[in-house]
Amino acid sequence: MLADFDKACGKIGLRLNLKKTMFLINELVSFAPFTLNGTNIFECSSYVYLDREINVMNDLALELSRRKRAAWGAFKGIEDAVKKTKNT
């Protein structure tokens, strides 16, 4: 299936970046190594897709923690401006 996808991409001038390509499996799938053009494709336990963390267990705690860190990071960037602004 991955080889078919790579072939279809090649027809329109696209190439898979095999250094960045990974796959995610759940407990229902037995382990089978993926290779494409002799390159191993690595398995990962979670990844961020469209700004949402996806993981095998569908555990939202990691996603919520990541979003809280991002929110605090964004707030810290404007904290001085917020403190200088008067509430009217």
PDB file of N, CA and C in Angstrom:
ATOM      1  N   MET A   1       0.816  -1.180   0.000  1.00  0.00           N
ATOM      2  CA  MET A   1       0.000   0.000   0.000  1.00  0.00           C
ATOM      3  C   MET A   1       0.869   1.258   0.000  1.00  0.00           C
ATOM      4  N   LEU A   2       1.922   1.265   0.819  1.00  0.00           N
ATOM      5  CA  LEU A   2       2.823   2.410   0.864  1.00  0.00           C
ATOM      6  C   LEU A   2       3.561   2.573  -0.459  1.00  0.00           C
ATOM      7  N   ALA A   3       3.926   1.464  -1.072  1.00  0.00           N
ATOM      8  CA  ALA A   3       4.596   1.522  -2.372  1.00  0.00           C
ATOM      9  C   ALA A   3       3.661   2.087  -3.436  1.00  0.00           C
ATOM     10  N   ASP A   4       2.387   1.718  -3.382  1.00  0.00           N
ATOM     11  CA  ASP A   4       1.405   2.266  -4.328  1.00  0.00           C
ATOM     12  C   ASP A   4       1.247   3.769  -4.139  1.00  0.00           C
ATOM     13  N   PHE A   5       1.214   4.202  -2.886  1.00  0.00           N
ATOM     14  CA  PHE A   5       1.096   5.627  -2.590  1.00  0.00           C
ATOM     15  C   PHE A   5       2.321   6.383  -3.108  1.00  0.00           C
ATOM     16  N   ASP A   6       3.503   5.822  -2.874  1.00  0.00           N
ATOM     17  CA  ASP A   6       4.741   6.440  -3.351  1.00  0.00           C
ATOM     18  C   ASP A   6       4.751   6.528  -4.874  1.00  0.00           C
ATOM     19  N   LYS A   7       4.271   5.480  -5.534  1.00  0.00           N
ATOM     20  CA  LYS A   7       4.216   5.462  -7.000  1.00  0.00           C
ATOM     21  C   LYS A   7       3.251   6.530  -7.519  1.00  0.00           C
ATOM     22  N   ALA A   8       2.079   6.654  -6.884  1.00  0.00           N
ATOM     23  CA  ALA A   8       1.098   7.668  -7.286  1.00  0.00           C
ATOM     24  C   ALA A   8       1.652   9.071  -7.068  1.00  0.00           C
ATOM     25  N   CYS A   9       2.362   9.264  -5.971  1.00  0.00           N
ATOM     26  CA  CYS A   9       2.981  10.572  -5.709  1.00  0.00           C
ATOM     27  C   CYS A   9       4.022  10.891  -6.777  1.00  0.00           C
ATOM     28  N   GLY A  10       4.801   9.894  -7.155  1.00  0.00           N
ATOM     29  CA  GLY A  10       5.834  10.092  -8.168  1.00  0.00           C
ATOM     30  C   GLY A  10       5.276  10.514  -9.512  1.00  0.00           C
ATOM     31  N   LYS A  11       4.079  10.063  -9.839  1.00  0.00           N
ATOM     32  CA  LYS A  11       3.457  10.416 -11.121  1.00  0.00           C
ATOM     33  C   LYS A  11       3.160  11.905 -11.227  1.00  0.00           C
ATOM     34  N   ILE A  12       2.947  12.562 -10.087  1.00  0.00           N
ATOM     35  CA  ILE A  12       2.651  13.997 -10.129  1.00  0.00           C
ATOM     36  C   ILE A  12       3.812  14.834  -9.589  1.00  0.00           C
ATOM     37  N   GLY A  13       4.979  14.203  -9.470  1.00  0.00           N
ATOM     38  CA  GLY A  13       6.182  14.937  -9.102  1.00  0.00           C
ATOM     39  C   GLY A  13       6.437  15.085  -7.614  1.00  0.00           C
ATOM     40  N   LEU A  14       5.753  14.308  -6.793  1.00  0.00           N
ATOM     41  CA  LEU A  14       5.968  14.369  -5.347  1.00  0.00           C
ATOM     42  C   LEU A  14       6.793  13.170  -4.900  1.00  0.00           C
ATOM     43  N   ARG A  15       7.534  13.354  -3.808  1.00  0.00           N
ATOM     44  CA  ARG A  15       8.320  12.264  -3.236  1.00  0.00           C
ATOM     45  C   ARG A  15       8.062  12.183  -1.743  1.00  0.00           C
ATOM     46  N   LEU A  16       7.993  10.978  -1.222  1.00  0.00           N
ATOM     47  CA  LEU A  16       7.872  10.791   0.222  1.00  0.00           C
ATOM     48  C   LEU A  16       9.222  11.072   0.866  1.00  0.00           C
ATOM     49  N   ASN A  17       9.212  11.799   1.971  1.00  0.00           N
ATOM     50  CA  ASN A  17      10.430  12.016   2.741  1.00  0.00           C
ATOM     51  C   ASN A  17      10.545  10.849   3.716  1.00  0.00           C
ATOM     52  N   LEU A  18      11.373   9.884   3.380  1.00  0.00           N
ATOM     53  CA  LEU A  18      11.458   8.657   4.170  1.00  0.00           C
ATOM     54  C   LEU A  18      12.121   8.876   5.522  1.00  0.00           C
ATOM     55  N   LYS A  19      12.796  10.009   5.712  1.00  0.00           N
ATOM     56  CA  LYS A  19      13.377  10.314   7.017  1.00  0.00           C
ATOM     57  C   LYS A  19      12.310  10.810   7.984  1.00  0.00           C
ATOM     58  N   LYS A  20      11.223  11.374   7.451  1.00  0.00           N
ATOM     59  CA  LYS A  20      10.154  11.903   8.295  1.00  0.00           C
ATOM     60  C   LYS A  20       8.928  10.993   8.347  1.00  0.00           C
ATOM     61  N   THR A  21       8.840  10.036   7.452  1.00  0.00           N
ATOM     62  CA  THR A  21       7.668   9.163   7.390  1.00  0.00           C
ATOM     63  C   THR A  21       7.705   8.154   8.534  1.00  0.00           C
ATOM     64  N   MET A  22       6.605   8.064   9.283  1.00  0.00           N
ATOM     65  CA  MET A  22       6.476   7.116  10.389  1.00  0.00           C
ATOM     66  C   MET A  22       5.083   6.505  10.334  1.00  0.00           C
ATOM     67  N   PHE A  23       4.882   5.441  11.081  1.00  0.00           N
ATOM     68  CA  PHE A  23       3.554   4.842  11.134  1.00  0.00           C
ATOM     69  C   PHE A  23       3.162   4.582  12.581  1.00  0.00           C
ATOM     70  N   LEU A  24       1.872   4.534  12.807  1.00  0.00           N
ATOM     71  CA  LEU A  24       1.296   4.334  14.130  1.00  0.00           C
ATOM     72  C   LEU A  24       0.400   3.106  14.054  1.00  0.00           C
ATOM     73  N   ILE A  25       0.567   2.159  14.987  1.00  0.00           N
ATOM     74  CA  ILE A  25      -0.285   0.968  15.001  1.00  0.00           C
ATOM     75  C   ILE A  25      -0.905   0.804  16.383  1.00  0.00           C
ATOM     76  N   ASN A  26      -2.022   0.091  16.444  1.00  0.00           N
ATOM     77  CA  ASN A  26      -2.640  -0.205  17.736  1.00  0.00           C
ATOM     78  C   ASN A  26      -2.352  -1.652  18.114  1.00  0.00           C
ATOM     79  N   GLU A  27      -2.908  -2.076  19.243  1.00  0.00           N
ATOM     80  CA  GLU A  27      -2.615  -3.419  19.754  1.00  0.00           C
ATOM     81  C   GLU A  27      -3.232  -4.531  18.915  1.00  0.00           C
ATOM     82  N   LEU A  28      -4.127  -4.207  18.001  1.00  0.00           N
ATOM     83  CA  LEU A  28      -4.776  -5.221  17.171  1.00  0.00           C
ATOM     84  C   LEU A  28      -3.919  -5.647  15.977  1.00  0.00           C
ATOM     85  N   VAL A  29      -2.860  -4.912  15.722  1.00  0.00           N
ATOM     86  CA  VAL A  29      -2.002  -5.189  14.568  1.00  0.00           C
ATOM     87  C   VAL A  29      -0.713  -5.829  15.056  1.00  0.00           C
ATOM     88  N   SER A  30      -0.355  -6.949  14.462  1.00  0.00           N
ATOM     89  CA  SER A  30       0.918  -7.567  14.826  1.00  0.00           C
ATOM     90  C   SER A  30       2.050  -6.775  14.183  1.00  0.00           C
ATOM     91  N   PHE A  31       3.208  -6.803  14.824  1.00  0.00           N
ATOM     92  CA  PHE A  31       4.334  -6.025  14.325  1.00  0.00           C
ATOM     93  C   PHE A  31       4.815  -6.589  12.998  1.00  0.00           C
ATOM     94  N   ALA A  32       4.953  -5.734  12.048  1.00  0.00           N
ATOM     95  CA  ALA A  32       5.531  -6.094  10.755  1.00  0.00           C
ATOM     96  C   ALA A  32       6.330  -4.886  10.290  1.00  0.00           C
ATOM     97  N   PRO A  33       7.628  -5.049  10.091  1.00  0.00           N
ATOM     98  CA  PRO A  33       8.432  -3.891   9.700  1.00  0.00           C
ATOM     99  C   PRO A  33       8.023  -3.365   8.326  1.00  0.00           C
ATOM    100  N   PHE A  34       7.962  -2.054   8.205  1.00  0.00           N
ATOM    101  CA  PHE A  34       7.656  -1.408   6.927  1.00  0.00           C
ATOM    102  C   PHE A  34       8.957  -0.989   6.278  1.00  0.00           C
ATOM    103  N   THR A  35       9.081  -1.284   5.011  1.00  0.00           N
ATOM    104  CA  THR A  35      10.219  -0.784   4.246  1.00  0.00           C
ATOM    105  C   THR A  35       9.714  -0.259   2.915  1.00  0.00           C
ATOM    106  N   LEU A  36      10.395   0.734   2.418  1.00  0.00           N
ATOM    107  CA  LEU A  36      10.091   1.289   1.107  1.00  0.00           C
ATOM    108  C   LEU A  36      11.410   1.618   0.441  1.00  0.00           C
ATOM    109  N   ASN A  37      11.619   1.051  -0.722  1.00  0.00           N
ATOM    110  CA  ASN A  37      12.871   1.242  -1.464  1.00  0.00           C
ATOM    111  C   ASN A  37      14.084   0.896  -0.605  1.00  0.00           C
ATOM    112  N   GLY A  38      13.958  -0.134   0.235  1.00  0.00           N
ATOM    113  CA  GLY A  38      15.065  -0.577   1.079  1.00  0.00           C
ATOM    114  C   GLY A  38      15.268   0.246   2.339  1.00  0.00           C
ATOM    115  N   THR A  39      14.427   1.231   2.586  1.00  0.00           N
ATOM    116  CA  THR A  39      14.543   2.081   3.773  1.00  0.00           C
ATOM    117  C   THR A  39      13.478   1.680   4.785  1.00  0.00           C
ATOM    118  N   ASN A  40      13.895   1.470   6.037  1.00  0.00           N
ATOM    119  CA  ASN A  40      12.939   1.132   7.094  1.00  0.00           C
ATOM    120  C   ASN A  40      12.110   2.352   7.458  1.00  0.00           C
ATOM    121  N   ILE A  41      10.813   2.151   7.620  1.00  0.00           N
ATOM    122  CA  ILE A  41       9.902   3.191   8.085  1.00  0.00           C
ATOM    123  C   ILE A  41       9.681   2.927   9.570  1.00  0.00           C
ATOM    124  N   PHE A  42       9.895   3.938  10.400  1.00  0.00           N
ATOM    125  CA  PHE A  42       9.860   3.757  11.843  1.00  0.00           C
ATOM    126  C   PHE A  42       8.453   3.883  12.411  1.00  0.00           C
ATOM    127  N   GLU A  43       8.224   3.144  13.490  1.00  0.00           N
ATOM    128  CA  GLU A  43       6.956   3.206  14.216  1.00  0.00           C
ATOM    129  C   GLU A  43       7.058   4.299  15.279  1.00  0.00           C
ATOM    130  N   CYS A  44       5.971   5.004  15.518  1.00  0.00           N
ATOM    131  CA  CYS A  44       5.942   6.005  16.586  1.00  0.00           C
ATOM    132  C   CYS A  44       4.730   5.735  17.475  1.00  0.00           C
ATOM    133  N   SER A  45       4.766   6.256  18.697  1.00  0.00           N
ATOM    134  CA  SER A  45       3.650   6.034  19.617  1.00  0.00           C
ATOM    135  C   SER A  45       2.675   7.202  19.626  1.00  0.00           C
ATOM    136  N   SER A  46       3.115   8.376  19.151  1.00  0.00           N
ATOM    137  CA  SER A  46       2.220   9.531  19.053  1.00  0.00           C
ATOM    138  C   SER A  46       2.805  10.533  18.070  1.00  0.00           C
ATOM    139  N   TYR A  47       1.946  11.406  17.560  1.00  0.00           N
ATOM    140  CA  TYR A  47       2.395  12.480  16.680  1.00  0.00           C
ATOM    141  C   TYR A  47       1.361  13.594  16.700  1.00  0.00           C
ATOM    142  N   VAL A  48       1.768  14.777  16.238  1.00  0.00           N
ATOM    143  CA  VAL A  48       0.860  15.920  16.183  1.00  0.00           C
ATOM    144  C   VAL A  48       0.409  16.080  14.738  1.00  0.00           C
ATOM    145  N   TYR A  49      -0.899  16.081  14.540  1.00  0.00           N
ATOM    146  CA  TYR A  49      -1.491  16.223  13.214  1.00  0.00           C
ATOM    147  C   TYR A  49      -2.582  17.277  13.297  1.00  0.00           C
ATOM    148  N   LEU A  50      -2.500  18.285  12.457  1.00  0.00           N
ATOM    149  CA  LEU A  50      -3.459  19.390  12.457  1.00  0.00           C
ATOM    150  C   LEU A  50      -3.634  19.962  13.864  1.00  0.00           C
ATOM    151  N   ASP A  51      -2.495  20.161  14.534  1.00  0.00           N
ATOM    152  CA  ASP A  51      -2.416  20.777  15.863  1.00  0.00           C
ATOM    153  C   ASP A  51      -3.101  19.961  16.958  1.00  0.00           C
ATOM    154  N   ARG A  52      -3.236  18.649  16.750  1.00  0.00           N
ATOM    155  CA  ARG A  52      -3.787  17.784  17.791  1.00  0.00           C
ATOM    156  C   ARG A  52      -2.892  16.564  17.924  1.00  0.00           C
ATOM    157  N   GLU A  53      -2.540  16.224  19.167  1.00  0.00           N
ATOM    158  CA  GLU A  53      -1.684  15.068  19.387  1.00  0.00           C
ATOM    159  C   GLU A  53      -2.503  13.789  19.293  1.00  0.00           C
ATOM    160  N   ILE A  54      -2.067  12.897  18.432  1.00  0.00           N
ATOM    161  CA  ILE A  54      -2.714  11.606  18.215  1.00  0.00           C
ATOM    162  C   ILE A  54      -1.822  10.541  18.848  1.00  0.00           C
ATOM    163  N   ASN A  55      -2.409   9.620  19.618  1.00  0.00           N
ATOM    164  CA  ASN A  55      -1.612   8.526  20.168  1.00  0.00           C
ATOM    165  C   ASN A  55      -2.411   7.229  20.123  1.00  0.00           C
ATOM    166  N   VAL A  56      -1.722   6.140  20.336  1.00  0.00           N
ATOM    167  CA  VAL A  56      -2.318   4.810  20.203  1.00  0.00           C
ATOM    168  C   VAL A  56      -3.449   4.599  21.204  1.00  0.00           C
ATOM    169  N   MET A  57      -3.274   5.069  22.427  1.00  0.00           N
ATOM    170  CA  MET A  57      -4.258   4.840  23.482  1.00  0.00           C
ATOM    171  C   MET A  57      -5.361   5.899  23.480  1.00  0.00           C
ATOM    172  N   ASN A  58      -5.286   6.866  22.583  1.00  0.00           N
ATOM    173  CA  ASN A  58      -6.232   7.983  22.518  1.00  0.00           C
ATOM    174  C   ASN A  58      -6.324   8.692  23.872  1.00  0.00           C
ATOM    175  N   ASP A  59      -5.170   8.835  24.530  1.00  0.00           N
ATOM    176  CA  ASP A  59      -5.070   9.471  25.840  1.00  0.00           C
ATOM    177  C   ASP A  59      -5.045  10.984  25.662  1.00  0.00           C
ATOM    178  N   LEU A  60      -6.044  11.670  26.195  1.00  0.00           N
ATOM    179  CA  LEU A  60      -6.138  13.117  26.032  1.00  0.00           C
ATOM    180  C   LEU A  60      -5.293  13.890  27.035  1.00  0.00           C
ATOM    181  N   ALA A  61      -4.786  13.246  28.085  1.00  0.00           N
ATOM    182  CA  ALA A  61      -3.991  13.949  29.093  1.00  0.00           C
ATOM    183  C   ALA A  61      -2.752  14.585  28.467  1.00  0.00           C
ATOM    184  N   LEU A  62      -2.080  13.864  27.589  1.00  0.00           N
ATOM    185  CA  LEU A  62      -0.896  14.419  26.929  1.00  0.00           C
ATOM    186  C   LEU A  62      -1.258  15.606  26.047  1.00  0.00           C
ATOM    187  N   GLU A  63      -2.372  15.508  25.347  1.00  0.00           N
ATOM    188  CA  GLU A  63      -2.825  16.595  24.479  1.00  0.00           C
ATOM    189  C   GLU A  63      -3.175  17.830  25.301  1.00  0.00           C
ATOM    190  N   LEU A  64      -3.882  17.648  26.409  1.00  0.00           N
ATOM    191  CA  LEU A  64      -4.252  18.783  27.250  1.00  0.00           C
ATOM    192  C   LEU A  64      -3.025  19.434  27.870  1.00  0.00           C
ATOM    193  N   SER A  65      -2.069  18.637  28.289  1.00  0.00           N
ATOM    194  CA  SER A  65      -0.827  19.167  28.842  1.00  0.00           C
ATOM    195  C   SER A  65      -0.065  19.970  27.793  1.00  0.00           C
ATOM    196  N   ARG A  66      -0.010  19.473  26.582  1.00  0.00           N
ATOM    197  CA  ARG A  66       0.685  20.170  25.500  1.00  0.00           C
ATOM    198  C   ARG A  66       0.010  21.502  25.203  1.00  0.00           C
ATOM    199  N   ARG A  67      -1.311  21.513  25.199  1.00  0.00           N
ATOM    200  CA  ARG A  67      -2.044  22.753  24.923  1.00  0.00           C
ATOM    201  C   ARG A  67      -1.875  23.772  26.044  1.00  0.00           C
ATOM    202  N   LYS A  68      -1.843  23.303  27.305  1.00  0.00           N
ATOM    203  CA  LYS A  68      -1.625  24.234  28.417  1.00  0.00           C
ATOM    204  C   LYS A  68      -0.246  24.875  28.323  1.00  0.00           C
ATOM    205  N   ARG A  69       0.773  24.078  27.994  1.00  0.00           N
ATOM    206  CA  ARG A  69       2.121  24.636  27.825  1.00  0.00           C
ATOM    207  C   ARG A  69       2.147  25.667  26.709  1.00  0.00           C
ATOM    208  N   ALA A  70       1.461  25.378  25.612  1.00  0.00           N
ATOM    209  CA  ALA A  70       1.410  26.316  24.487  1.00  0.00           C
ATOM    210  C   ALA A  70       0.690  27.603  24.883  1.00  0.00           C
ATOM    211  N   ALA A  71      -0.393  27.481  25.647  1.00  0.00           N
ATOM    212  CA  ALA A  71      -1.140  28.666  26.080  1.00  0.00           C
ATOM    213  C   ALA A  71      -0.302  29.524  27.019  1.00  0.00           C
ATOM    214  N   TRP A  72       0.377  28.902  27.981  1.00  0.00           N
ATOM    215  CA  TRP A  72       1.231  29.665  28.882  1.00  0.00           C
ATOM    216  C   TRP A  72       2.379  30.308  28.119  1.00  0.00           C
ATOM    217  N   GLY A  73       2.927  29.613  27.149  1.00  0.00           N
ATOM    218  CA  GLY A  73       4.001  30.191  26.335  1.00  0.00           C
ATOM    219  C   GLY A  73       3.525  31.407  25.569  1.00  0.00           C
ATOM    220  N   ALA A  74       2.324  31.337  25.023  1.00  0.00           N
ATOM    221  CA  ALA A  74       1.761  32.478  24.295  1.00  0.00           C
ATOM    222  C   ALA A  74       1.488  33.631  25.253  1.00  0.00           C
ATOM    223  N   PHE A  75       0.976  33.339  26.450  1.00  0.00           N
ATOM    224  CA  PHE A  75       0.699  34.389  27.429  1.00  0.00           C
ATOM    225  C   PHE A  75       1.986  35.061  27.883  1.00  0.00           C
ATOM    226  N   LYS A  76       3.026  34.277  28.128  1.00  0.00           N
ATOM    227  CA  LYS A  76       4.299  34.851  28.580  1.00  0.00           C
ATOM    228  C   LYS A  76       4.848  35.845  27.563  1.00  0.00           C
ATOM    229  N   GLY A  77       4.556  35.624  26.294  1.00  0.00           N
ATOM    230  CA  GLY A  77       5.024  36.537  25.248  1.00  0.00           C
ATOM    231  C   GLY A  77       4.363  37.901  25.312  1.00  0.00           C
ATOM    232  N   ILE A  78       3.156  37.984  25.857  1.00  0.00           N
ATOM    233  CA  ILE A  78       2.442  39.268  25.920  1.00  0.00           C
ATOM    234  C   ILE A  78       2.182  39.710  27.357  1.00  0.00           C
ATOM    235  N   GLU A  79       2.769  39.026  28.322  1.00  0.00           N
ATOM    236  CA  GLU A  79       2.501  39.299  29.732  1.00  0.00           C
ATOM    237  C   GLU A  79       2.805  40.746  30.111  1.00  0.00           C
ATOM    238  N   ASP A  80       3.935  41.288  29.664  1.00  0.00           N
ATOM    239  CA  ASP A  80       4.289  42.667  30.002  1.00  0.00           C
ATOM    240  C   ASP A  80       3.262  43.651  29.461  1.00  0.00           C
ATOM    241  N   ALA A  81       2.812  43.443  28.235  1.00  0.00           N
ATOM    242  CA  ALA A  81       1.818  44.340  27.643  1.00  0.00           C
ATOM    243  C   ALA A  81       0.500  44.258  28.398  1.00  0.00           C
ATOM    244  N   VAL A  82       0.130  43.076  28.843  1.00  0.00           N
ATOM    245  CA  VAL A  82      -1.121  42.904  29.586  1.00  0.00           C
ATOM    246  C   VAL A  82      -1.040  43.613  30.934  1.00  0.00           C
ATOM    247  N   LYS A  83       0.099  43.510  31.600  1.00  0.00           N
ATOM    248  CA  LYS A  83       0.261  44.146  32.908  1.00  0.00           C
ATOM    249  C   LYS A  83       0.239  45.671  32.800  1.00  0.00           C
ATOM    250  N   LYS A  84       0.720  46.215  31.679  1.00  0.00           N
ATOM    251  CA  LYS A  84       0.760  47.668  31.491  1.00  0.00           C
ATOM    252  C   LYS A  84      -0.591  48.233  31.063  1.00  0.00           C
ATOM    253  N   THR A  85      -1.486  47.387  30.596  1.00  0.00           N
ATOM    254  CA  THR A  85      -2.789  47.834  30.112  1.00  0.00           C
ATOM    255  C   THR A  85      -3.743  48.001  31.286  1.00  0.00           C
ATOM    256  N   LYS A  86      -4.449  49.143  31.300  1.00  0.00           N
ATOM    257  CA  LYS A  86      -5.434  49.395  32.351  1.00  0.00           C
ATOM    258  C   LYS A  86      -6.765  48.769  31.969  1.00  0.00           C
ATOM    259  N   ASN A  87      -7.420  48.183  32.934  1.00  0.00           N
ATOM    260  CA  ASN A  87      -8.792  47.710  32.718  1.00  0.00           C
ATOM    261  C   ASN A  87      -9.729  48.893  32.883  1.00  0.00           C
ATOM    262  N   THR A  88     -10.543  49.167  31.893  1.00  0.00           N
ATOM    263  CA  THR A  88     -11.486  50.290  31.993  1.00  0.00           C
ATOM    264  C   THR A  88     -12.896  49.816  31.804  1.00  0.00           C
TER     265      THR A  88
END
